[in-house]
């Protein structure tokens, strides 16, 4: 009985139709025209490359988007000598989306706390990795908002 039940359950559960929300392989039926960009160049460049990967060039649904990002790094805590030990990295992304004479403002915030690393090169590399992760997360959230616009 167990020999038959396990394969049947396996077939039923693997065919449930689950698909992830952020499925990168799926092209979406919209095109993005980026009209203006301001702010942190690393984050903006990553956002633009991720958006171009998601969009369809021959779509009839065209969004005109203005992008403004603000990146900040602030000290959270210091040691007894007064040197910073922990930082908070914060990115604010404002999108002004125009579609069929309608304008929608989309605001997305990402932040993360990090510890100071003794090696300056390694610290900058780590911060750039976090910036890339922020940009990917922002694009995923923007994608959900764009799919809901009709």
Protein backbone atom coordinates (compact mmCIF):
# COMPACT_ATOMS: atom_id res chain seq x y z
CA UNK A 1 0.00 0.00 0.00
CA UNK A 2 2.81 2.46 0.90
CA UNK A 3 4.58 1.72 -2.35
CA UNK A 4 1.58 2.98 -4.30
CA UNK A 5 0.59 5.85 -2.01
CA UNK A 6 3.94 7.68 -2.03
CA UNK A 7 4.24 8.03 -5.85
CA UNK A 8 0.61 9.09 -6.13
CA UNK A 9 1.05 11.78 -3.45
CA UNK A 10 4.26 12.93 -5.10
CA UNK A 11 2.51 13.37 -8.47
CA UNK A 12 -0.42 15.20 -6.93
CA UNK A 13 1.68 17.60 -4.85
CA UNK A 14 4.18 18.46 -7.59
CA UNK A 15 1.40 19.31 -10.03
CA UNK A 16 -0.36 21.82 -7.82
CA UNK A 17 0.34 24.76 -10.16
CA UNK A 18 2.51 26.79 -7.80
CA UNK A 19 4.44 29.60 -9.47
CA UNK A 20 6.54 32.18 -7.65
CA UNK A 21 5.42 35.83 -7.70
CA UNK A 22 8.82 37.10 -8.83
CA UNK A 23 9.25 34.69 -11.72
CA UNK A 24 12.11 36.27 -13.68
CA UNK A 25 11.81 33.96 -16.67
CA UNK A 26 8.32 35.22 -17.45
CA UNK A 27 8.13 38.30 -19.69
CA UNK A 28 5.49 40.79 -18.72
CA UNK A 29 3.21 42.51 -21.15
CA UNK A 30 4.40 46.08 -20.66
CA UNK A 31 7.15 48.37 -21.84
CA UNK A 32 8.94 51.02 -19.81
CA UNK A 33 10.14 54.36 -21.11
CA UNK A 34 12.45 55.88 -18.49
CA UNK A 35 12.11 59.65 -18.93
CA UNK A 36 14.27 60.87 -16.05
CA UNK A 37 16.62 59.47 -13.42
CA UNK A 38 18.22 61.15 -10.43
CA UNK A 39 20.07 59.92 -7.40
CA UNK A 40 22.63 57.21 -6.67
CA UNK A 41 24.15 55.99 -9.94
CA UNK A 42 24.90 52.42 -8.78
CA UNK A 43 21.33 51.83 -7.64
CA UNK A 44 19.83 53.59 -10.67
CA UNK A 45 21.93 51.57 -13.14
CA UNK A 46 20.95 48.28 -11.48
CA UNK A 47 17.25 49.29 -11.42
CA UNK A 48 17.39 50.20 -15.12
CA UNK A 49 19.08 46.93 -16.08
CA UNK A 50 16.56 44.88 -14.07
CA UNK A 51 13.63 46.80 -15.58
CA UNK A 52 14.92 46.24 -19.11
CA UNK A 53 15.16 42.52 -18.36
CA UNK A 54 11.51 42.39 -17.29
CA UNK A 55 9.93 44.49 -20.03
CA UNK A 56 8.65 43.53 -23.44
CA UNK A 57 9.79 45.81 -26.27
CA UNK A 58 6.78 45.24 -28.56
CA UNK A 59 4.06 45.75 -25.97
CA UNK A 60 1.20 48.19 -26.40
CA UNK A 61 1.11 48.96 -22.67
CA UNK A 62 3.79 51.66 -22.23
CA UNK A 63 4.69 53.23 -18.89
CA UNK A 64 6.60 56.53 -18.77
CA UNK A 65 8.58 56.53 -15.53
CA UNK A 66 10.63 59.13 -13.67
CA UNK A 67 13.02 57.63 -11.13
CA UNK A 68 14.47 59.43 -8.12
CA UNK A 69 16.57 57.51 -5.59
CA UNK A 70 18.09 58.70 -2.35
CA UNK A 71 20.80 56.61 -0.67
CA UNK A 72 21.96 57.33 2.86
CA UNK A 73 24.37 55.71 5.29
CA UNK A 74 24.04 56.71 8.93
CA UNK A 75 25.85 55.68 12.09
CA UNK A 76 23.73 53.70 14.53
CA UNK A 77 26.22 52.99 17.28
CA UNK A 78 29.76 53.88 18.29
CA UNK A 79 32.36 52.22 20.50
CA UNK A 80 34.02 53.76 23.59
CA UNK A 81 36.55 55.62 21.41
CA UNK A 82 33.81 57.24 19.35
CA UNK A 83 34.40 55.16 16.19
CA UNK A 84 31.35 53.90 14.32
CA UNK A 85 30.59 50.20 14.80
CA UNK A 86 27.17 49.82 13.16
CA UNK A 87 25.58 51.56 10.18
CA UNK A 88 22.13 51.77 8.70
CA UNK A 89 21.92 51.75 4.89
CA UNK A 90 18.72 53.30 3.57
CA UNK A 91 17.38 53.70 0.02
CA UNK A 92 14.27 55.66 -0.89
CA UNK A 93 13.01 55.19 -4.44
CA UNK A 94 10.30 57.43 -5.86
CA UNK A 95 8.68 56.48 -9.15
CA UNK A 96 6.33 58.75 -11.04
CA UNK A 97 4.44 56.48 -13.43
CA UNK A 98 2.43 57.88 -16.35
CA UNK A 99 0.01 55.58 -18.14
CA UNK A 100 -2.88 56.68 -20.37
CA UNK A 101 -2.84 60.25 -19.00
CA UNK A 102 -2.96 58.96 -15.40
CA UNK A 103 -0.11 59.68 -13.00
CA UNK A 104 0.69 57.45 -10.05
CA UNK A 105 3.37 58.00 -7.42
CA UNK A 106 5.06 54.87 -6.09
CA UNK A 107 7.34 55.13 -3.07
CA UNK A 108 9.55 52.18 -2.05
CA UNK A 109 11.92 52.14 0.94
CA UNK A 110 14.62 49.58 1.71
CA UNK A 111 16.95 49.60 4.71
CA UNK A 112 19.43 47.33 6.41
CA UNK A 113 21.76 47.49 9.40
CA UNK A 114 25.37 46.40 8.94
CA UNK A 115 28.46 46.16 11.11
CA UNK A 116 31.66 47.99 10.31
CA UNK A 117 34.33 45.88 8.61
CA UNK A 118 37.99 46.69 9.33
CA UNK A 119 39.05 46.44 5.67
CA UNK A 120 37.81 49.53 3.78
CA UNK A 121 37.83 47.78 0.39
CA UNK A 122 35.78 44.88 1.75
CA UNK A 123 33.37 47.35 3.40
CA UNK A 124 32.74 49.18 0.11
CA UNK A 125 32.33 45.91 -1.75
CA UNK A 126 29.80 44.72 0.82
CA UNK A 127 27.87 48.00 0.60
CA UNK A 128 27.77 47.75 -3.22
CA UNK A 129 26.41 44.21 -2.92
CA UNK A 130 23.71 45.47 -0.59
CA UNK A 131 22.91 48.29 -3.04
CA UNK A 132 22.47 45.71 -5.82
CA UNK A 133 20.17 43.67 -3.58
CA UNK A 134 18.18 46.80 -2.74
CA UNK A 135 17.77 47.57 -6.45
CA UNK A 136 16.54 44.04 -7.23
CA UNK A 137 14.05 44.19 -4.36
CA UNK A 138 12.82 47.62 -5.48
CA UNK A 139 12.27 46.38 -9.06
CA UNK A 140 10.34 43.35 -7.81
CA UNK A 141 8.05 45.59 -5.74
CA UNK A 142 7.67 48.04 -8.64
CA UNK A 143 6.79 45.15 -10.95
CA UNK A 144 3.90 44.15 -8.69
CA UNK A 145 2.65 47.75 -8.66
CA UNK A 146 2.92 48.04 -12.47
CA UNK A 147 1.01 44.81 -12.99
CA UNK A 148 -1.84 46.17 -10.88
CA UNK A 149 -2.19 49.38 -12.97
CA UNK A 150 -4.93 49.16 -15.57
